[in-house]
Amino acid sequence: MKLTTIICCGILILFGVFAAVYALSGFDLLLFFCAGNSTVYRALLSLAGVGALWLLFWLIAFRPTKPLS
């Protein structure tokens, strides 16, 4: 469970870096790594969606911020 959460966080950080490069330079680094293949591009974007949904579930189910209050 903890390893899955760490992997999903890493995936979202990586996609955040890709988005920052695209926003600041206009160069789509993810599309470059996919060699222009739109099927692979969409599959990797869906992976980011799954990672975000997993982290949302983890935050709701395990409430890691509850001890802070």
PDB file of N, CA and C in Angstrom:
ATOM      1  N   MET A   1       0.830  -1.183   0.000  1.00  0.00           N
ATOM      2  CA  MET A   1       0.000   0.000   0.000  1.00  0.00           C
ATOM      3  C   MET A   1       0.877   1.250   0.000  1.00  0.00           C
ATOM      4  N   LYS A   2       1.912   1.246   0.846  1.00  0.00           N
ATOM      5  CA  LYS A   2       2.780   2.404   0.924  1.00  0.00           C
ATOM      6  C   LYS A   2       3.599   2.548  -0.366  1.00  0.00           C
ATOM      7  N   LEU A   3       4.063   1.433  -0.916  1.00  0.00           N
ATOM      8  CA  LEU A   3       4.839   1.478  -2.151  1.00  0.00           C
ATOM      9  C   LEU A   3       3.997   1.999  -3.313  1.00  0.00           C
ATOM     10  N   THR A   4       2.745   1.576  -3.382  1.00  0.00           N
ATOM     11  CA  THR A   4       1.848   2.052  -4.423  1.00  0.00           C
ATOM     12  C   THR A   4       1.655   3.566  -4.330  1.00  0.00           C
ATOM     13  N   THR A   5       1.515   4.065  -3.127  1.00  0.00           N
ATOM     14  CA  THR A   5       1.335   5.496  -2.922  1.00  0.00           C
ATOM     15  C   THR A   5       2.587   6.272  -3.320  1.00  0.00           C
ATOM     16  N   ILE A   6       3.744   5.741  -3.000  1.00  0.00           N
ATOM     17  CA  ILE A   6       4.995   6.402  -3.381  1.00  0.00           C
ATOM     18  C   ILE A   6       5.155   6.409  -4.897  1.00  0.00           C
ATOM     19  N   ILE A   7       4.818   5.306  -5.557  1.00  0.00           N
ATOM     20  CA  ILE A   7       4.903   5.235  -7.022  1.00  0.00           C
ATOM     21  C   ILE A   7       3.949   6.233  -7.659  1.00  0.00           C
ATOM     22  N   CYS A   8       2.726   6.316  -7.154  1.00  0.00           N
ATOM     23  CA  CYS A   8       1.747   7.263  -7.709  1.00  0.00           C
ATOM     24  C   CYS A   8       2.195   8.703  -7.497  1.00  0.00           C
ATOM     25  N   CYS A   9       2.794   8.999  -6.354  1.00  0.00           N
ATOM     26  CA  CYS A   9       3.315  10.347  -6.127  1.00  0.00           C
ATOM     27  C   CYS A   9       4.439  10.658  -7.107  1.00  0.00           C
ATOM     28  N   GLY A  10       5.306   9.688  -7.338  1.00  0.00           N
ATOM     29  CA  GLY A  10       6.395   9.880  -8.297  1.00  0.00           C
ATOM     30  C   GLY A  10       5.888  10.117  -9.704  1.00  0.00           C
ATOM     31  N   ILE A  11       4.866   9.368 -10.098  1.00  0.00           N
ATOM     32  CA  ILE A  11       4.273   9.543 -11.427  1.00  0.00           C
ATOM     33  C   ILE A  11       3.691  10.946 -11.569  1.00  0.00           C
ATOM     34  N   LEU A  12       2.972  11.405 -10.560  1.00  0.00           N
ATOM     35  CA  LEU A  12       2.361  12.732 -10.644  1.00  0.00           C
ATOM     36  C   LEU A  12       3.407  13.842 -10.616  1.00  0.00           C
ATOM     37  N   ILE A  13       4.495  13.647  -9.883  1.00  0.00           N
ATOM     38  CA  ILE A  13       5.564  14.635  -9.896  1.00  0.00           C
ATOM     39  C   ILE A  13       6.204  14.691 -11.274  1.00  0.00           C
ATOM     40  N   LEU A  14       6.431  13.530 -11.880  1.00  0.00           N
ATOM     41  CA  LEU A  14       7.016  13.473 -13.217  1.00  0.00           C
ATOM     42  C   LEU A  14       6.122  14.161 -14.241  1.00  0.00           C
ATOM     43  N   PHE A  15       4.830  13.899 -14.190  1.00  0.00           N
ATOM     44  CA  PHE A  15       3.907  14.548 -15.110  1.00  0.00           C
ATOM     45  C   PHE A  15       3.808  16.043 -14.833  1.00  0.00           C
ATOM     46  N   GLY A  16       3.979  16.445 -13.584  1.00  0.00           N
ATOM     47  CA  GLY A  16       4.017  17.868 -13.260  1.00  0.00           C
ATOM     48  C   GLY A  16       5.220  18.563 -13.870  1.00  0.00           C
ATOM     49  N   VAL A  17       6.362  17.879 -13.875  1.00  0.00           N
ATOM     50  CA  VAL A  17       7.558  18.431 -14.513  1.00  0.00           C
ATOM     51  C   VAL A  17       7.335  18.547 -16.023  1.00  0.00           C
ATOM     52  N   PHE A  18       6.741  17.512 -16.626  1.00  0.00           N
ATOM     53  CA  PHE A  18       6.430  17.569 -18.055  1.00  0.00           C
ATOM     54  C   PHE A  18       5.500  18.739 -18.368  1.00  0.00           C
ATOM     55  N   ALA A  19       4.502  18.953 -17.514  1.00  0.00           N
ATOM     56  CA  ALA A  19       3.554  20.052 -17.726  1.00  0.00           C
ATOM     57  C   ALA A  19       4.239  21.400 -17.563  1.00  0.00           C
ATOM     58  N   ALA A  20       5.165  21.504 -16.614  1.00  0.00           N
ATOM     59  CA  ALA A  20       5.881  22.765 -16.415  1.00  0.00           C
ATOM     60  C   ALA A  20       6.768  23.085 -17.612  1.00  0.00           C
ATOM     61  N   VAL A  21       7.431  22.077 -18.150  1.00  0.00           N
ATOM     62  CA  VAL A  21       8.265  22.291 -19.343  1.00  0.00           C
ATOM     63  C   VAL A  21       7.393  22.749 -20.503  1.00  0.00           C
ATOM     64  N   TYR A  22       6.239  22.118 -20.654  1.00  0.00           N
ATOM     65  CA  TYR A  22       5.330  22.512 -21.741  1.00  0.00           C
ATOM     66  C   TYR A  22       4.800  23.932 -21.547  1.00  0.00           C
ATOM     67  N   ALA A  23       4.464  24.271 -20.305  1.00  0.00           N
ATOM     68  CA  ALA A  23       3.907  25.606 -20.036  1.00  0.00           C
ATOM     69  C   ALA A  23       4.952  26.702 -20.223  1.00  0.00           C
ATOM     70  N   LEU A  24       6.190  26.424 -19.867  1.00  0.00           N
ATOM     71  CA  LEU A  24       7.220  27.458 -19.929  1.00  0.00           C
ATOM     72  C   LEU A  24       7.899  27.566 -21.292  1.00  0.00           C
ATOM     73  N   SER A  25       7.942  26.464 -22.048  1.00  0.00           N
ATOM     74  CA  SER A  25       8.673  26.518 -23.310  1.00  0.00           C
ATOM     75  C   SER A  25       7.813  26.224 -24.542  1.00  0.00           C
ATOM     76  N   GLY A  26       6.672  25.601 -24.353  1.00  0.00           N
ATOM     77  CA  GLY A  26       5.841  25.218 -25.486  1.00  0.00           C
ATOM     78  C   GLY A  26       6.256  23.905 -26.121  1.00  0.00           C
ATOM     79  N   PHE A  27       7.275  23.244 -25.556  1.00  0.00           N
ATOM     80  CA  PHE A  27       7.747  21.959 -26.065  1.00  0.00           C
ATOM     81  C   PHE A  27       7.112  20.850 -25.246  1.00  0.00           C
ATOM     82  N   ASP A  28       6.378  19.954 -25.916  1.00  0.00           N
ATOM     83  CA  ASP A  28       5.698  18.861 -25.229  1.00  0.00           C
ATOM     84  C   ASP A  28       6.673  17.701 -25.043  1.00  0.00           C
ATOM     85  N   LEU A  29       7.268  17.650 -23.862  1.00  0.00           N
ATOM     86  CA  LEU A  29       8.284  16.647 -23.561  1.00  0.00           C
ATOM     87  C   LEU A  29       7.701  15.238 -23.531  1.00  0.00           C
ATOM     88  N   LEU A  30       6.478  15.095 -23.041  1.00  0.00           N
ATOM     89  CA  LEU A  30       5.842  13.777 -23.004  1.00  0.00           C
ATOM     90  C   LEU A  30       5.590  13.259 -24.413  1.00  0.00           C
ATOM     91  N   LEU A  31       5.121  14.097 -25.289  1.00  0.00           N
ATOM     92  CA  LEU A  31       4.904  13.691 -26.676  1.00  0.00           C
ATOM     93  C   LEU A  31       6.228  13.355 -27.356  1.00  0.00           C
ATOM     94  N   PHE A  32       7.274  14.050 -26.985  1.00  0.00           N
ATOM     95  CA  PHE A  32       8.602  13.735 -27.517  1.00  0.00           C
ATOM     96  C   PHE A  32       9.049  12.344 -27.074  1.00  0.00           C
ATOM     97  N   PHE A  33       8.842  12.022 -25.790  1.00  0.00           N
ATOM     98  CA  PHE A  33       9.216  10.693 -25.294  1.00  0.00           C
ATOM     99  C   PHE A  33       8.360   9.584 -25.897  1.00  0.00           C
ATOM    100  N   CYS A  34       7.151   9.928 -26.305  1.00  0.00           N
ATOM    101  CA  CYS A  34       6.266   8.952 -26.945  1.00  0.00           C
ATOM    102  C   CYS A  34       6.521   8.844 -28.442  1.00  0.00           C
ATOM    103  N   ALA A  35       7.470   9.600 -28.962  1.00  0.00           N
ATOM    104  CA  ALA A  35       7.831   9.610 -30.383  1.00  0.00           C
ATOM    105  C   ALA A  35       6.646   9.984 -31.266  1.00  0.00           C
ATOM    106  N   GLY A  36       5.781  10.849 -30.764  1.00  0.00           N
ATOM    107  CA  GLY A  36       4.654  11.327 -31.553  1.00  0.00           C
ATOM    108  C   GLY A  36       3.510  10.343 -31.670  1.00  0.00           C
ATOM    109  N   ASN A  37       3.570   9.211 -30.977  1.00  0.00           N
ATOM    110  CA  ASN A  37       2.521   8.198 -31.031  1.00  0.00           C
ATOM    111  C   ASN A  37       1.383   8.611 -30.092  1.00  0.00           C
ATOM    112  N   SER A  38       0.219   8.921 -30.657  1.00  0.00           N
ATOM    113  CA  SER A  38      -0.885   9.427 -29.838  1.00  0.00           C
ATOM    114  C   SER A  38      -1.486   8.346 -28.938  1.00  0.00           C
ATOM    115  N   THR A  39      -1.404   7.080 -29.329  1.00  0.00           N
ATOM    116  CA  THR A  39      -1.940   6.006 -28.490  1.00  0.00           C
ATOM    117  C   THR A  39      -1.119   5.863 -27.212  1.00  0.00           C
ATOM    118  N   VAL A  40       0.193   5.885 -27.333  1.00  0.00           N
ATOM    119  CA  VAL A  40       1.066   5.801 -26.155  1.00  0.00           C
ATOM    120  C   VAL A  40       0.906   7.056 -25.300  1.00  0.00           C
ATOM    121  N   TYR A  41       0.766   8.198 -25.958  1.00  0.00           N
ATOM    122  CA  TYR A  41       0.574   9.472 -25.254  1.00  0.00           C
ATOM    123  C   TYR A  41      -0.676   9.429 -24.380  1.00  0.00           C
ATOM    124  N   ARG A  42      -1.771   8.956 -24.952  1.00  0.00           N
ATOM    125  CA  ARG A  42      -3.024   8.864 -24.189  1.00  0.00           C
ATOM    126  C   ARG A  42      -2.935   7.829 -23.080  1.00  0.00           C
ATOM    127  N   ALA A  43      -2.226   6.735 -23.328  1.00  0.00           N
ATOM    128  CA  ALA A  43      -2.069   5.708 -22.298  1.00  0.00           C
ATOM    129  C   ALA A  43      -1.288   6.255 -21.103  1.00  0.00           C
ATOM    130  N   LEU A  44      -0.241   7.031 -21.366  1.00  0.00           N
ATOM    131  CA  LEU A  44       0.524   7.616 -20.270  1.00  0.00           C
ATOM    132  C   LEU A  44      -0.274   8.681 -19.529  1.00  0.00           C
ATOM    133  N   LEU A  45      -1.081   9.443 -20.250  1.00  0.00           N
ATOM    134  CA  LEU A  45      -1.938  10.425 -19.576  1.00  0.00           C
ATOM    135  C   LEU A  45      -2.983   9.729 -18.702  1.00  0.00           C
ATOM    136  N   SER A  46      -3.496   8.593 -19.148  1.00  0.00           N
ATOM    137  CA  SER A  46      -4.455   7.860 -18.319  1.00  0.00           C
ATOM    138  C   SER A  46      -3.770   7.285 -17.084  1.00  0.00           C
ATOM    139  N   LEU A  47      -2.482   6.959 -17.201  1.00  0.00           N
ATOM    140  CA  LEU A  47      -1.722   6.502 -16.039  1.00  0.00           C
ATOM    141  C   LEU A  47      -1.647   7.595 -14.982  1.00  0.00           C
ATOM    142  N   ALA A  48      -1.492   8.827 -15.407  1.00  0.00           N
ATOM    143  CA  ALA A  48      -1.493   9.944 -14.467  1.00  0.00           C
ATOM    144  C   ALA A  48      -2.860  10.088 -13.799  1.00  0.00           C
ATOM    145  N   GLY A  49      -3.917   9.861 -14.563  1.00  0.00           N
ATOM    146  CA  GLY A  49      -5.267   9.914 -13.981  1.00  0.00           C
ATOM    147  C   GLY A  49      -5.480   8.836 -12.936  1.00  0.00           C
ATOM    148  N   VAL A  50      -4.999   7.641 -13.203  1.00  0.00           N
ATOM    149  CA  VAL A  50      -5.122   6.543 -12.236  1.00  0.00           C
ATOM    150  C   VAL A  50      -4.311   6.857 -10.981  1.00  0.00           C
ATOM    151  N   GLY A  51      -3.125   7.421 -11.164  1.00  0.00           N
ATOM    152  CA  GLY A  51      -2.316   7.804 -10.007  1.00  0.00           C
ATOM    153  C   GLY A  51      -3.005   8.851  -9.154  1.00  0.00           C
ATOM    154  N   ALA A  52      -3.642   9.812  -9.794  1.00  0.00           N
ATOM    155  CA  ALA A  52      -4.356  10.857  -9.050  1.00  0.00           C
ATOM    156  C   ALA A  52      -5.562  10.277  -8.312  1.00  0.00           C
ATOM    157  N   LEU A  53      -6.271   9.363  -8.954  1.00  0.00           N
ATOM    158  CA  LEU A  53      -7.421   8.732  -8.281  1.00  0.00           C
ATOM    159  C   LEU A  53      -6.978   7.875  -7.102  1.00  0.00           C
ATOM    160  N   TRP A  54      -5.850   7.184  -7.250  1.00  0.00           N
ATOM    161  CA  TRP A  54      -5.335   6.379  -6.134  1.00  0.00           C
ATOM    162  C   TRP A  54      -4.997   7.278  -4.941  1.00  0.00           C
ATOM    163  N   LEU A  55      -4.333   8.405  -5.204  1.00  0.00           N
ATOM    164  CA  LEU A  55      -3.978   9.297  -4.102  1.00  0.00           C
ATOM    165  C   LEU A  55      -5.206   9.922  -3.459  1.00  0.00           C
ATOM    166  N   LEU A  56      -6.229  10.198  -4.251  1.00  0.00           N
ATOM    167  CA  LEU A  56      -7.473  10.707  -3.687  1.00  0.00           C
ATOM    168  C   LEU A  56      -8.106   9.662  -2.772  1.00  0.00           C
ATOM    169  N   PHE A  57      -8.142   8.409  -3.222  1.00  0.00           N
ATOM    170  CA  PHE A  57      -8.655   7.321  -2.384  1.00  0.00           C
ATOM    171  C   PHE A  57      -7.841   7.198  -1.107  1.00  0.00           C
ATOM    172  N   TRP A  58      -6.514   7.259  -1.235  1.00  0.00           N
ATOM    173  CA  TRP A  58      -5.640   7.109  -0.082  1.00  0.00           C
ATOM    174  C   TRP A  58      -5.875   8.220   0.937  1.00  0.00           C
ATOM    175  N   LEU A  59      -6.064   9.449   0.439  1.00  0.00           N
ATOM    176  CA  LEU A  59      -6.305  10.567   1.354  1.00  0.00           C
ATOM    177  C   LEU A  59      -7.648  10.449   2.063  1.00  0.00           C
ATOM    178  N   ILE A  60      -8.650   9.922   1.377  1.00  0.00           N
ATOM    179  CA  ILE A  60      -9.970   9.770   1.988  1.00  0.00           C
ATOM    180  C   ILE A  60      -9.990   8.585   2.952  1.00  0.00           C
ATOM    181  N   ALA A  61      -9.425   7.462   2.526  1.00  0.00           N
ATOM    182  CA  ALA A  61      -9.520   6.236   3.323  1.00  0.00           C
ATOM    183  C   ALA A  61      -8.623   6.251   4.554  1.00  0.00           C
ATOM    184  N   PHE A  62      -7.429   6.797   4.447  1.00  0.00           N
ATOM    185  CA  PHE A  62      -6.469   6.678   5.545  1.00  0.00           C
ATOM    186  C   PHE A  62      -6.244   7.972   6.317  1.00  0.00           C
ATOM    187  N   ARG A  63      -6.734   9.081   5.825  1.00  0.00           N
ATOM    188  CA  ARG A  63      -6.657  10.378   6.501  1.00  0.00           C
ATOM    189  C   ARG A  63      -5.286  10.627   7.141  1.00  0.00           C
ATOM    190  N   PRO A  64      -4.247  10.767   6.319  1.00  0.00           N
ATOM    191  CA  PRO A  64      -2.910  10.949   6.907  1.00  0.00           C
ATOM    192  C   PRO A  64      -2.733  12.285   7.621  1.00  0.00           C
ATOM    193  N   THR A  65      -3.625  13.238   7.397  1.00  0.00           N
ATOM    194  CA  THR A  65      -3.493  14.540   8.067  1.00  0.00           C
ATOM    195  C   THR A  65      -4.296  14.614   9.357  1.00  0.00           C
ATOM    196  N   LYS A  66      -5.018  13.559   9.719  1.00  0.00           N
ATOM    197  CA  LYS A  66      -5.835  13.586  10.931  1.00  0.00           C
ATOM    198  C   LYS A  66      -5.024  13.808  12.205  1.00  0.00           C
ATOM    199  N   PRO A  67      -3.834  13.169  12.360  1.00  0.00           N
ATOM    200  CA  PRO A  67      -3.064  13.433  13.585  1.00  0.00           C
ATOM    201  C   PRO A  67      -2.570  14.881  13.707  1.00  0.00           C
ATOM    202  N   LEU A  68      -2.553  15.630  12.631  1.00  0.00           N
ATOM    203  CA  LEU A  68      -2.087  17.009  12.701  1.00  0.00           C
ATOM    204  C   LEU A  68      -3.097  17.935  13.364  1.00  0.00           C
ATOM    205  N   SER A  69      -4.352  17.559  13.359  1.00  0.00           N
ATOM    206  CA  SER A  69      -5.377  18.435  13.953  1.00  0.00           C
ATOM    207  C   SER A  69      -5.599  18.086  15.388  1.00  0.00           C
TER     208      SER A  69
END
